[in-house]
Amino acid sequence: NANSTTIEQDIIGAKVKVLGDGVFTQNSWIPQISIGAQYKKNRDYDSSLSLPDGTTPLPGVGVPMLLGATDDSGTDVYLSATKLWLGTPSGYNLLTNLTARYTKANVFGLLGFGSENNDSAKLEWEGSVAVLISPTTAIGTEFRTQTNRLGGLAEEDTVVDAFIAYFPNKSISITAAYVDLGNLPLQESSSGFYLTVNSTF
């Protein structure tokens, strides 16, 4: 059993606005369009998996490789549309986003990239809706589809979450969420709480 196994991943990304303005063009339905890319590197793709008794029956084989992933890295390319609707609903501000992502990642890359039977990138969808209940606080929900490349123990489900975000200024944001990842290896139902603090310069 691999209940104590940890998987780490490095992500480098860039995003550029190419069209529109999601805030200031309220007289138009056209959203702000951005394109971006993320390079992801799974650091435990070939990390030896140890059993509870300390033995390593498959040296140099990590969880992603064991489940059938064929690569330890991949690059996502995505197109994102974002729109802020001022005063909707009931005087609050509504933020919507829809993203199309072209990727080979298995569970965001935590289980590696590609597989022997399906090694091509696929289009996946992400969306979010948030209500700004104050100038610094938003509550909302998100979803993200996943392509089921690995199957078996690593069969993937659509990921959903509900969140509350606090952004006291332009540089700092704090988000707490309840996330349902669906099926994960050896865990038919994987859900829990998530907390992140982001800072930009």
N, C-alpha and C. Protein backbone atom coordinates (compact mmCIF):
# COMPACT_ATOMS: atom_id res chain seq x y z
N ASN A 1 0.84 -1.17 0.00
CA ASN A 1 0.00 0.00 0.00
C ASN A 1 0.88 1.23 0.00
N ALA A 2 0.35 2.28 -0.66
CA ALA A 2 1.16 3.47 -0.88
C ALA A 2 0.50 4.70 -0.26
N ASN A 3 -0.15 4.49 0.88
CA ASN A 3 -0.90 5.59 1.48
C ASN A 3 0.00 6.75 1.91
N SER A 4 1.28 6.48 2.18
CA SER A 4 2.19 7.53 2.62
C SER A 4 2.96 8.16 1.46
N THR A 5 2.66 7.75 0.25
CA THR A 5 3.38 8.27 -0.90
C THR A 5 3.04 9.74 -1.15
N THR A 6 4.06 10.53 -1.47
CA THR A 6 3.86 11.92 -1.85
C THR A 6 4.32 12.11 -3.29
N ILE A 7 3.66 13.03 -4.00
CA ILE A 7 4.02 13.34 -5.37
C ILE A 7 4.17 14.85 -5.49
N GLU A 8 5.30 15.29 -6.01
CA GLU A 8 5.56 16.71 -6.17
C GLU A 8 5.67 17.07 -7.66
N GLN A 9 5.31 18.30 -7.96
CA GLN A 9 5.29 18.75 -9.34
C GLN A 9 5.74 20.21 -9.43
N ASP A 10 6.57 20.52 -10.42
CA ASP A 10 6.97 21.90 -10.69
C ASP A 10 6.17 22.42 -11.88
N ILE A 11 5.70 23.67 -11.77
CA ILE A 11 4.91 24.28 -12.83
C ILE A 11 5.45 25.67 -13.14
N ILE A 12 5.72 25.92 -14.43
CA ILE A 12 6.13 27.24 -14.90
C ILE A 12 5.12 27.69 -15.95
N GLY A 13 4.56 28.87 -15.78
CA GLY A 13 3.51 29.30 -16.68
C GLY A 13 3.63 30.75 -17.12
N ALA A 14 2.95 31.07 -18.21
CA ALA A 14 2.86 32.44 -18.71
C ALA A 14 1.48 32.63 -19.32
N LYS A 15 0.92 33.84 -19.16
CA LYS A 15 -0.42 34.14 -19.65
C LYS A 15 -0.44 35.56 -20.21
N VAL A 16 -1.08 35.74 -21.37
CA VAL A 16 -1.11 37.04 -22.03
C VAL A 16 -2.54 37.37 -22.46
N LYS A 17 -2.98 38.58 -22.17
CA LYS A 17 -4.29 39.03 -22.64
C LYS A 17 -4.18 39.41 -24.12
N VAL A 18 -5.14 38.93 -24.93
CA VAL A 18 -5.07 39.20 -26.37
C VAL A 18 -6.26 40.00 -26.88
N LEU A 19 -7.35 40.07 -26.09
CA LEU A 19 -8.55 40.74 -26.60
C LEU A 19 -9.47 41.14 -25.45
N GLY A 20 -10.08 42.32 -25.56
CA GLY A 20 -11.15 42.71 -24.66
C GLY A 20 -10.69 43.10 -23.27
N ASP A 21 -11.66 43.46 -22.46
CA ASP A 21 -11.44 43.80 -21.06
C ASP A 21 -12.63 43.30 -20.26
N GLY A 22 -12.38 42.40 -19.34
CA GLY A 22 -13.46 41.76 -18.61
C GLY A 22 -14.18 42.64 -17.62
N VAL A 23 -13.63 43.84 -17.33
CA VAL A 23 -14.22 44.71 -16.32
C VAL A 23 -14.84 45.96 -16.93
N PHE A 24 -14.10 46.67 -17.77
CA PHE A 24 -14.48 48.02 -18.17
C PHE A 24 -15.37 48.09 -19.41
N THR A 25 -15.54 46.98 -20.13
CA THR A 25 -16.42 47.00 -21.32
C THR A 25 -17.78 46.40 -20.96
N GLN A 26 -18.50 47.07 -20.05
CA GLN A 26 -19.78 46.56 -19.58
C GLN A 26 -20.89 46.71 -20.64
N ASN A 27 -20.68 47.56 -21.63
CA ASN A 27 -21.69 47.73 -22.67
C ASN A 27 -21.57 46.68 -23.77
N SER A 28 -20.68 45.70 -23.58
CA SER A 28 -20.49 44.63 -24.56
C SER A 28 -20.45 43.28 -23.85
N TRP A 29 -20.96 42.25 -24.52
CA TRP A 29 -20.93 40.90 -23.96
C TRP A 29 -19.60 40.21 -24.20
N ILE A 30 -18.72 40.84 -25.01
CA ILE A 30 -17.43 40.22 -25.35
C ILE A 30 -16.55 40.14 -24.12
N PRO A 31 -16.06 38.96 -23.78
CA PRO A 31 -15.22 38.80 -22.58
C PRO A 31 -13.77 39.18 -22.85
N GLN A 32 -12.99 39.16 -21.81
CA GLN A 32 -11.54 39.29 -21.95
C GLN A 32 -10.98 37.93 -22.34
N ILE A 33 -10.21 37.89 -23.43
CA ILE A 33 -9.64 36.64 -23.92
C ILE A 33 -8.14 36.62 -23.65
N SER A 34 -7.68 35.54 -23.05
CA SER A 34 -6.26 35.37 -22.76
C SER A 34 -5.79 34.01 -23.26
N ILE A 35 -4.53 33.94 -23.64
CA ILE A 35 -3.91 32.66 -23.98
C ILE A 35 -2.76 32.43 -23.01
N GLY A 36 -2.49 31.17 -22.74
CA GLY A 36 -1.43 30.86 -21.80
C GLY A 36 -0.85 29.48 -22.02
N ALA A 37 0.23 29.22 -21.33
CA ALA A 37 0.89 27.92 -21.40
C ALA A 37 1.49 27.60 -20.03
N GLN A 38 1.50 26.32 -19.68
CA GLN A 38 2.10 25.85 -18.44
C GLN A 38 2.95 24.62 -18.73
N TYR A 39 4.23 24.71 -18.36
CA TYR A 39 5.11 23.54 -18.42
C TYR A 39 5.09 22.88 -17.06
N LYS A 40 4.79 21.57 -17.04
CA LYS A 40 4.69 20.83 -15.78
C LYS A 40 5.70 19.68 -15.76
N LYS A 41 6.38 19.54 -14.64
CA LYS A 41 7.37 18.49 -14.47
C LYS A 41 7.06 17.70 -13.21
N ASN A 42 6.75 16.41 -13.37
CA ASN A 42 6.47 15.54 -12.23
C ASN A 42 7.79 15.06 -11.65
N ARG A 43 8.04 15.42 -10.41
CA ARG A 43 9.34 15.12 -9.78
C ARG A 43 9.42 13.69 -9.22
N ASP A 44 8.29 12.98 -9.20
CA ASP A 44 8.28 11.64 -8.62
C ASP A 44 7.83 10.58 -9.62
N TYR A 45 7.96 10.88 -10.89
CA TYR A 45 7.57 9.95 -11.94
C TYR A 45 8.29 8.61 -11.80
N ASP A 46 9.60 8.66 -11.51
CA ASP A 46 10.38 7.43 -11.39
C ASP A 46 10.97 7.25 -9.99
N SER A 47 10.34 7.90 -8.98
CA SER A 47 10.80 7.71 -7.60
C SER A 47 10.36 6.33 -7.11
N SER A 48 11.29 5.55 -6.61
CA SER A 48 11.00 4.18 -6.18
C SER A 48 9.90 4.15 -5.14
N LEU A 49 8.95 3.26 -5.34
CA LEU A 49 7.82 3.11 -4.43
C LEU A 49 8.16 2.08 -3.36
N SER A 50 8.17 2.52 -2.12
CA SER A 50 8.51 1.62 -1.00
C SER A 50 7.25 1.04 -0.37
N LEU A 51 7.32 -0.24 0.00
CA LEU A 51 6.23 -0.90 0.71
C LEU A 51 6.36 -0.62 2.20
N PRO A 52 5.31 -0.90 2.99
CA PRO A 52 5.36 -0.63 4.43
C PRO A 52 6.52 -1.30 5.14
N ASP A 53 7.00 -2.44 4.62
CA ASP A 53 8.12 -3.11 5.28
C ASP A 53 9.48 -2.54 4.87
N GLY A 54 9.47 -1.48 4.06
CA GLY A 54 10.71 -0.83 3.66
C GLY A 54 11.32 -1.34 2.38
N THR A 55 10.78 -2.39 1.79
CA THR A 55 11.34 -2.94 0.55
C THR A 55 10.86 -2.14 -0.66
N THR A 56 11.65 -2.16 -1.73
CA THR A 56 11.30 -1.50 -2.98
C THR A 56 11.32 -2.54 -4.10
N PRO A 57 10.20 -3.21 -4.33
CA PRO A 57 10.16 -4.29 -5.32
C PRO A 57 10.40 -3.82 -6.76
N LEU A 58 10.12 -2.54 -7.03
CA LEU A 58 10.30 -2.01 -8.39
C LEU A 58 11.14 -0.74 -8.33
N PRO A 59 12.45 -0.86 -8.19
CA PRO A 59 13.32 0.32 -8.11
C PRO A 59 13.20 1.19 -9.36
N GLY A 60 13.15 2.49 -9.17
CA GLY A 60 13.07 3.41 -10.29
C GLY A 60 11.72 3.51 -10.94
N VAL A 61 10.69 2.98 -10.28
CA VAL A 61 9.33 3.05 -10.80
C VAL A 61 8.46 3.78 -9.79
N GLY A 62 8.01 4.97 -10.16
CA GLY A 62 7.14 5.74 -9.28
C GLY A 62 5.68 5.45 -9.55
N VAL A 63 4.80 6.08 -8.78
CA VAL A 63 3.37 5.85 -8.92
C VAL A 63 2.86 6.18 -10.33
N PRO A 64 3.22 7.35 -10.92
CA PRO A 64 2.72 7.64 -12.28
C PRO A 64 3.14 6.58 -13.30
N MET A 65 4.39 6.16 -13.24
CA MET A 65 4.90 5.15 -14.17
C MET A 65 4.20 3.81 -13.93
N LEU A 66 4.01 3.46 -12.68
CA LEU A 66 3.37 2.20 -12.32
C LEU A 66 1.94 2.13 -12.85
N LEU A 67 1.25 3.27 -12.88
CA LEU A 67 -0.14 3.31 -13.33
C LEU A 67 -0.27 3.42 -14.84
N GLY A 68 0.86 3.58 -15.53
CA GLY A 68 0.82 3.55 -17.00
C GLY A 68 1.15 4.85 -17.70
N ALA A 69 1.52 5.91 -16.97
CA ALA A 69 1.91 7.16 -17.61
C ALA A 69 3.22 6.95 -18.38
N THR A 70 3.37 7.64 -19.50
CA THR A 70 4.54 7.45 -20.36
C THR A 70 5.54 8.61 -20.31
N ASP A 71 5.15 9.75 -19.71
CA ASP A 71 6.05 10.90 -19.66
C ASP A 71 6.03 11.53 -18.28
N ASP A 72 7.16 12.16 -17.91
CA ASP A 72 7.24 12.84 -16.62
C ASP A 72 6.98 14.34 -16.74
N SER A 73 6.76 14.84 -17.96
CA SER A 73 6.52 16.26 -18.14
C SER A 73 5.61 16.50 -19.33
N GLY A 74 5.03 17.69 -19.38
CA GLY A 74 4.15 18.06 -20.49
C GLY A 74 3.86 19.54 -20.44
N THR A 75 3.37 20.07 -21.55
CA THR A 75 3.04 21.49 -21.63
C THR A 75 1.56 21.65 -21.98
N ASP A 76 0.83 22.34 -21.12
CA ASP A 76 -0.56 22.69 -21.38
C ASP A 76 -0.62 24.01 -22.15
N VAL A 77 -1.51 24.09 -23.11
CA VAL A 77 -1.81 25.34 -23.80
C VAL A 77 -3.30 25.61 -23.62
N TYR A 78 -3.65 26.85 -23.25
CA TYR A 78 -5.06 27.11 -22.96
C TYR A 78 -5.52 28.47 -23.46
N LEU A 79 -6.82 28.57 -23.67
CA LEU A 79 -7.50 29.80 -24.07
C LEU A 79 -8.58 30.07 -23.04
N SER A 80 -8.59 31.27 -22.49
CA SER A 80 -9.48 31.57 -21.37
C SER A 80 -10.32 32.82 -21.66
N ALA A 81 -11.61 32.74 -21.36
CA ALA A 81 -12.53 33.87 -21.52
C ALA A 81 -13.08 34.25 -20.15
N THR A 82 -12.95 35.53 -19.77
CA THR A 82 -13.35 36.00 -18.45
C THR A 82 -14.22 37.24 -18.59
N LYS A 83 -15.29 37.30 -17.79
CA LYS A 83 -16.18 38.45 -17.84
C LYS A 83 -16.71 38.77 -16.45
N LEU A 84 -16.64 40.03 -16.06
CA LEU A 84 -17.21 40.51 -14.81
C LEU A 84 -18.49 41.28 -15.12
N TRP A 85 -19.60 40.83 -14.53
CA TRP A 85 -20.90 41.46 -14.75
C TRP A 85 -21.22 42.32 -13.51
N LEU A 86 -21.13 43.63 -13.65
CA LEU A 86 -21.32 44.54 -12.53
C LEU A 86 -22.81 44.67 -12.18
N GLY A 87 -23.09 44.57 -10.88
CA GLY A 87 -24.46 44.74 -10.39
C GLY A 87 -25.38 43.59 -10.65
N THR A 88 -24.82 42.43 -11.05
CA THR A 88 -25.64 41.25 -11.34
C THR A 88 -25.07 40.06 -10.58
N PRO A 89 -25.86 39.37 -9.79
CA PRO A 89 -27.30 39.58 -9.50
C PRO A 89 -27.51 40.41 -8.24
N SER A 90 -28.67 41.02 -8.13
CA SER A 90 -29.13 41.73 -6.92
C SER A 90 -28.12 42.74 -6.40
N GLY A 91 -27.47 43.43 -7.32
CA GLY A 91 -26.53 44.46 -6.91
C GLY A 91 -25.12 43.98 -6.67
N TYR A 92 -24.91 42.66 -6.64
CA TYR A 92 -23.57 42.12 -6.49
C TYR A 92 -22.89 41.99 -7.85
N ASN A 93 -21.61 41.74 -7.85
CA ASN A 93 -20.86 41.55 -9.08
C ASN A 93 -20.62 40.07 -9.33
N LEU A 94 -20.82 39.65 -10.59
CA LEU A 94 -20.71 38.24 -10.96
C LEU A 94 -19.50 38.06 -11.88
N LEU A 95 -18.60 37.16 -11.51
CA LEU A 95 -17.41 36.86 -12.31
C LEU A 95 -17.55 35.48 -12.92
N THR A 96 -17.41 35.39 -14.25
CA THR A 96 -17.52 34.11 -14.95
C THR A 96 -16.25 33.85 -15.76
N ASN A 97 -15.92 32.58 -15.89
CA ASN A 97 -14.74 32.20 -16.66
C ASN A 97 -14.97 30.85 -17.33
N LEU A 98 -14.51 30.73 -18.57
CA LEU A 98 -14.53 29.46 -19.28
C LEU A 98 -13.18 29.29 -19.96
N THR A 99 -12.57 28.12 -19.76
CA THR A 99 -11.22 27.87 -20.29
C THR A 99 -11.20 26.55 -21.05
N ALA A 100 -10.58 26.58 -22.21
CA ALA A 100 -10.32 25.37 -22.99
C ALA A 100 -8.83 25.07 -22.88
N ARG A 101 -8.49 23.87 -22.42
CA ARG A 101 -7.09 23.50 -22.16
C ARG A 101 -6.71 22.27 -22.99
N TYR A 102 -5.61 22.39 -23.72
CA TYR A 102 -5.09 21.30 -24.54
C TYR A 102 -3.93 20.68 -23.78
N THR A 103 -4.09 19.42 -23.32
CA THR A 103 -3.15 18.86 -22.36
C THR A 103 -3.04 17.35 -22.47
N LYS A 104 -1.90 16.83 -22.01
CA LYS A 104 -1.67 15.38 -21.90
C LYS A 104 -1.64 14.94 -20.44
N ALA A 105 -1.95 15.86 -19.54
CA ALA A 105 -1.78 15.59 -18.12
C ALA A 105 -2.80 14.59 -17.60
N ASN A 106 -2.35 13.75 -16.68
CA ASN A 106 -3.22 12.84 -15.93
C ASN A 106 -3.36 13.42 -14.53
N VAL A 107 -4.61 13.73 -14.11
CA VAL A 107 -4.88 14.37 -12.82
C VAL A 107 -3.95 15.58 -12.65
N PHE A 108 -4.03 16.52 -13.58
CA PHE A 108 -3.26 17.77 -13.58
C PHE A 108 -1.75 17.55 -13.71
N GLY A 109 -1.32 16.33 -14.01
CA GLY A 109 0.10 16.01 -14.07
C GLY A 109 0.61 15.29 -12.84
N LEU A 110 -0.21 15.16 -11.80
CA LEU A 110 0.21 14.45 -10.60
C LEU A 110 0.44 12.97 -10.87
N LEU A 111 -0.25 12.44 -11.88
CA LEU A 111 -0.03 11.05 -12.29
C LEU A 111 0.66 10.99 -13.65
N GLY A 112 1.53 11.96 -13.91
CA GLY A 112 2.31 11.95 -15.13
C GLY A 112 1.52 12.43 -16.34
N PHE A 113 2.02 12.07 -17.52
CA PHE A 113 1.46 12.60 -18.76
C PHE A 113 1.37 11.48 -19.80
N GLY A 114 0.23 11.44 -20.50
CA GLY A 114 0.04 10.45 -21.54
C GLY A 114 -0.05 9.03 -21.01
N SER A 115 -0.26 8.09 -21.93
CA SER A 115 -0.29 6.68 -21.59
C SER A 115 0.04 5.89 -22.85
N GLU A 116 0.29 4.62 -22.70
CA GLU A 116 0.64 3.79 -23.86
C GLU A 116 -0.51 3.72 -24.86
N ASN A 117 -1.73 3.71 -24.36
CA ASN A 117 -2.90 3.59 -25.25
C ASN A 117 -3.45 4.93 -25.72
N ASN A 118 -3.04 6.03 -25.07
CA ASN A 118 -3.58 7.34 -25.41
C ASN A 118 -2.53 8.40 -25.08
N ASP A 119 -1.61 8.62 -26.01
CA ASP A 119 -0.48 9.50 -25.74
C ASP A 119 -0.62 10.87 -26.39
N SER A 120 -1.80 11.19 -26.88
CA SER A 120 -2.00 12.48 -27.53
C SER A 120 -2.69 13.46 -26.59
N ALA A 121 -2.45 14.74 -26.82
CA ALA A 121 -3.11 15.77 -26.02
C ALA A 121 -4.59 15.83 -26.38
N LYS A 122 -5.41 16.17 -25.40
CA LYS A 122 -6.85 16.27 -25.59
C LYS A 122 -7.34 17.63 -25.08
N LEU A 123 -8.50 18.03 -25.57
CA LEU A 123 -9.10 19.28 -25.12
C LEU A 123 -9.94 19.02 -23.88
N GLU A 124 -9.66 19.76 -22.82
CA GLU A 124 -10.42 19.67 -21.58
C GLU A 124 -11.00 21.04 -21.26
N TRP A 125 -12.08 21.04 -20.49
CA TRP A 125 -12.81 22.27 -20.20
C TRP A 125 -12.78 22.61 -18.72
N GLU A 126 -12.70 23.90 -18.43
CA GLU A 126 -12.73 24.40 -17.06
C GLU A 126 -13.69 25.58 -17.02
N GLY A 127 -14.39 25.73 -15.92
CA GLY A 127 -15.28 26.87 -15.79
C GLY A 127 -15.45 27.27 -14.34
N SER A 128 -15.78 28.52 -14.11
CA SER A 128 -16.02 28.99 -12.76
C SER A 128 -17.04 30.12 -12.76
N VAL A 129 -17.77 30.20 -11.66
CA VAL A 129 -18.73 31.27 -11.43
C VAL A 129 -18.51 31.74 -10.00
N ALA A 130 -18.36 33.05 -9.82
CA ALA A 130 -18.13 33.59 -8.48
C ALA A 130 -18.95 34.87 -8.29
N VAL A 131 -19.48 35.04 -7.10
CA VAL A 131 -20.20 36.26 -6.73
C VAL A 131 -19.33 37.05 -5.76
N LEU A 132 -19.05 38.31 -6.10
CA LEU A 132 -18.27 39.17 -5.21
C LEU A 132 -19.22 39.78 -4.19
N ILE A 133 -19.18 39.25 -2.98
CA ILE A 133 -20.08 39.72 -1.94
C ILE A 133 -19.58 40.99 -1.25
N SER A 134 -18.32 41.33 -1.54
CA SER A 134 -17.74 42.59 -1.07
C SER A 134 -16.59 42.92 -2.02
N PRO A 135 -16.01 44.11 -1.95
CA PRO A 135 -14.90 44.45 -2.84
C PRO A 135 -13.68 43.54 -2.66
N THR A 136 -13.59 42.81 -1.56
CA THR A 136 -12.40 41.99 -1.30
C THR A 136 -12.72 40.50 -1.13
N THR A 137 -13.98 40.08 -1.29
CA THR A 137 -14.35 38.69 -1.00
C THR A 137 -15.27 38.15 -2.08
N ALA A 138 -14.99 36.89 -2.49
CA ALA A 138 -15.82 36.23 -3.50
C ALA A 138 -16.12 34.80 -3.05
N ILE A 139 -17.31 34.33 -3.38
CA ILE A 139 -17.67 32.93 -3.16
C ILE A 139 -18.11 32.35 -4.51
N GLY A 140 -17.80 31.08 -4.73
CA GLY A 140 -18.17 30.52 -6.02
C GLY A 140 -17.92 29.03 -6.14
N THR A 141 -17.99 28.56 -7.37
CA THR A 141 -17.79 27.14 -7.65
C THR A 141 -17.03 27.00 -8.96
N GLU A 142 -16.35 25.87 -9.13
CA GLU A 142 -15.55 25.60 -10.31
C GLU A 142 -15.74 24.15 -10.74
N PHE A 143 -15.46 23.88 -12.03
CA PHE A 143 -15.41 22.50 -12.49
C PHE A 143 -14.24 22.36 -13.46
N ARG A 144 -13.78 21.13 -13.62
CA ARG A 144 -12.70 20.85 -14.58
C ARG A 144 -12.84 19.42 -15.08
N THR A 145 -12.95 19.25 -16.39
CA THR A 145 -13.04 17.91 -16.95
C THR A 145 -11.64 17.31 -17.09
N GLN A 146 -11.58 15.99 -17.17
CA GLN A 146 -10.32 15.29 -17.33
C GLN A 146 -10.48 14.14 -18.33
N THR A 147 -9.46 13.94 -19.16
CA THR A 147 -9.47 12.83 -20.10
C THR A 147 -8.97 11.58 -19.39
N ASN A 148 -9.73 10.51 -19.46
CA ASN A 148 -9.40 9.29 -18.74
C ASN A 148 -8.45 8.43 -19.58
N ARG A 149 -7.15 8.71 -19.50
CA ARG A 149 -6.16 7.98 -20.28
C ARG A 149 -5.71 6.68 -19.62
N LEU A 150 -5.55 6.70 -18.31
CA LEU A 150 -4.93 5.58 -17.62
C LEU A 150 -5.93 4.48 -17.30
N GLY A 151 -7.17 4.85 -16.96
CA GLY A 151 -8.18 3.85 -16.62
C GLY A 151 -7.82 3.07 -15.37
N GLY A 152 -8.54 2.00 -15.13
CA GLY A 152 -8.25 1.14 -13.98
C GLY A 152 -8.29 1.90 -12.67
N LEU A 153 -7.25 1.72 -11.86
CA LEU A 153 -7.17 2.40 -10.57
C LEU A 153 -7.10 3.91 -10.71
N ALA A 154 -6.63 4.39 -11.87
CA ALA A 154 -6.45 5.83 -12.07
C ALA A 154 -7.54 6.44 -12.94
N GLU A 155 -8.71 5.83 -12.99
CA GLU A 155 -9.82 6.38 -13.76
C GLU A 155 -10.15 7.78 -13.26
N GLU A 156 -10.26 8.74 -14.18
CA GLU A 156 -10.44 10.14 -13.80
C GLU A 156 -11.90 10.58 -13.90
N ASP A 157 -12.28 11.48 -13.00
CA ASP A 157 -13.61 12.07 -12.97
C ASP A 157 -13.51 13.58 -13.15
N THR A 158 -14.64 14.22 -13.39
CA THR A 158 -14.68 15.68 -13.40
C THR A 158 -14.46 16.20 -11.99
N VAL A 159 -13.59 17.19 -11.87
CA VAL A 159 -13.27 17.79 -10.57
C VAL A 159 -14.18 18.98 -10.33
N VAL A 160 -14.73 19.09 -9.12
CA VAL A 160 -15.57 20.23 -8.75
C VAL A 160 -15.14 20.76 -7.39
N ASP A 161 -15.40 22.04 -7.16
CA ASP A 161 -15.09 22.60 -5.84
C ASP A 161 -16.01 23.79 -5.56
N ALA A 162 -16.08 24.13 -4.30
CA ALA A 162 -16.74 25.36 -3.85
C ALA A 162 -15.72 26.13 -3.04
N PHE A 163 -15.65 27.45 -3.23
CA PHE A 163 -14.56 28.21 -2.63
C PHE A 163 -15.01 29.56 -2.10
N ILE A 164 -14.17 30.12 -1.23
CA ILE A 164 -14.27 31.50 -0.80
C ILE A 164 -12.88 32.11 -0.93
N ALA A 165 -12.80 33.27 -1.58
CA ALA A 165 -11.51 33.91 -1.83
C ALA A 165 -11.50 35.31 -1.23
N TYR A 166 -10.37 35.65 -0.63
CA TYR A 166 -10.19 36.97 -0.03
C TYR A 166 -8.95 37.61 -0.63
N PHE A 167 -9.08 38.81 -1.16
CA PHE A 167 -7.96 39.51 -1.78
C PHE A 167 -7.91 40.94 -1.22
N PRO A 168 -7.14 41.12 -0.16
CA PRO A 168 -7.09 42.44 0.50
C PRO A 168 -6.45 43.53 -0.35
N ASN A 169 -5.59 43.14 -1.32
CA ASN A 169 -4.99 44.10 -2.23
C ASN A 169 -4.64 43.40 -3.54
N LYS A 170 -4.03 44.11 -4.47
CA LYS A 170 -3.74 43.57 -5.79
C LYS A 170 -2.65 42.51 -5.77
N SER A 171 -1.89 42.42 -4.69
CA SER A 171 -0.74 41.53 -4.66
C SER A 171 -0.98 40.22 -3.92
N ILE A 172 -1.99 40.16 -3.08
CA ILE A 172 -2.20 38.99 -2.22
C ILE A 172 -3.62 38.46 -2.36
N SER A 173 -3.74 37.13 -2.45
CA SER A 173 -5.06 36.50 -2.43
C SER A 173 -4.99 35.24 -1.58
N ILE A 174 -6.06 34.99 -0.85
CA ILE A 174 -6.15 33.81 0.02
C ILE A 174 -7.44 33.08 -0.36
N THR A 175 -7.32 31.78 -0.66
CA THR A 175 -8.48 31.00 -1.09
C THR A 175 -8.62 29.74 -0.26
N ALA A 176 -9.82 29.51 0.23
CA ALA A 176 -10.16 28.27 0.92
C ALA A 176 -11.24 27.58 0.12
N ALA A 177 -11.13 26.25 -0.03
CA ALA A 177 -12.09 25.54 -0.87
C ALA A 177 -12.32 24.13 -0.35
N TYR A 178 -13.48 23.60 -0.71
CA TYR A 178 -13.76 22.18 -0.54
C TYR A 178 -13.73 21.56 -1.92
N VAL A 179 -12.84 20.60 -2.13
CA VAL A 179 -12.56 20.05 -3.46
C VAL A 179 -12.93 18.57 -3.51
N ASP A 180 -13.62 18.18 -4.58
CA ASP A 180 -13.93 16.78 -4.84
C ASP A 180 -13.18 16.37 -6.11
N LEU A 181 -12.13 15.55 -5.95
CA LEU A 181 -11.31 15.11 -7.08
C LEU A 181 -11.86 13.85 -7.73
N GLY A 182 -12.96 13.31 -7.20
CA GLY A 182 -13.50 12.07 -7.75
C GLY A 182 -12.61 10.90 -7.39
N ASN A 183 -12.42 10.01 -8.34
CA ASN A 183 -11.62 8.80 -8.11
C ASN A 183 -10.13 9.10 -8.19
N LEU A 184 -9.38 8.60 -7.22
CA LEU A 184 -7.93 8.57 -7.25
C LEU A 184 -7.48 7.15 -6.95
N PRO A 185 -6.26 6.77 -7.34
CA PRO A 185 -5.82 5.39 -7.07
C PRO A 185 -5.97 5.00 -5.61
N LEU A 186 -6.64 3.88 -5.38
CA LEU A 186 -6.87 3.31 -4.05
C LEU A 186 -7.81 4.18 -3.20
N GLN A 187 -8.43 5.22 -3.81
CA GLN A 187 -9.37 6.07 -3.09
C GLN A 187 -10.53 6.38 -4.04
N GLU A 188 -11.64 5.66 -3.90
CA GLU A 188 -12.77 5.84 -4.81
C GLU A 188 -13.40 7.23 -4.67
N SER A 189 -13.34 7.80 -3.49
CA SER A 189 -13.87 9.14 -3.28
C SER A 189 -12.80 9.98 -2.62
N SER A 190 -12.30 10.98 -3.34
CA SER A 190 -11.21 11.81 -2.83
C SER A 190 -11.67 13.25 -2.75
N SER A 191 -11.88 13.71 -1.54
CA SER A 191 -12.32 15.08 -1.34
C SER A 191 -11.70 15.61 -0.05
N GLY A 192 -11.66 16.92 0.06
CA GLY A 192 -11.09 17.53 1.25
C GLY A 192 -11.00 19.03 1.12
N PHE A 193 -10.46 19.67 2.15
CA PHE A 193 -10.32 21.11 2.18
C PHE A 193 -8.97 21.55 1.64
N TYR A 194 -8.94 22.73 1.05
CA TYR A 194 -7.76 23.25 0.38
C TYR A 194 -7.58 24.71 0.77
N LEU A 195 -6.35 25.10 1.06
CA LEU A 195 -6.04 26.49 1.39
C LEU A 195 -4.80 26.92 0.65
N THR A 196 -4.87 28.07 0.00
CA THR A 196 -3.70 28.58 -0.73
C THR A 196 -3.58 30.08 -0.53
N VAL A 197 -2.34 30.53 -0.52
CA VAL A 197 -2.02 31.97 -0.43
C VAL A 197 -1.13 32.30 -1.62
N ASN A 198 -1.57 33.26 -2.45
CA ASN A 198 -0.80 33.66 -3.63
C ASN A 198 -0.35 35.10 -3.49
N SER A 199 0.87 35.34 -3.99
CA SER A 199 1.43 36.69 -3.98
C SER A 199 1.99 36.99 -5.36
N THR A 200 1.71 38.16 -5.90
CA THR A 200 2.23 38.55 -7.21
C THR A 200 3.04 39.84 -7.07
N PHE A 201 3.95 40.01 -8.01
CA PHE A 201 4.84 41.18 -7.97
C PHE A 201 4.76 41.96 -9.27
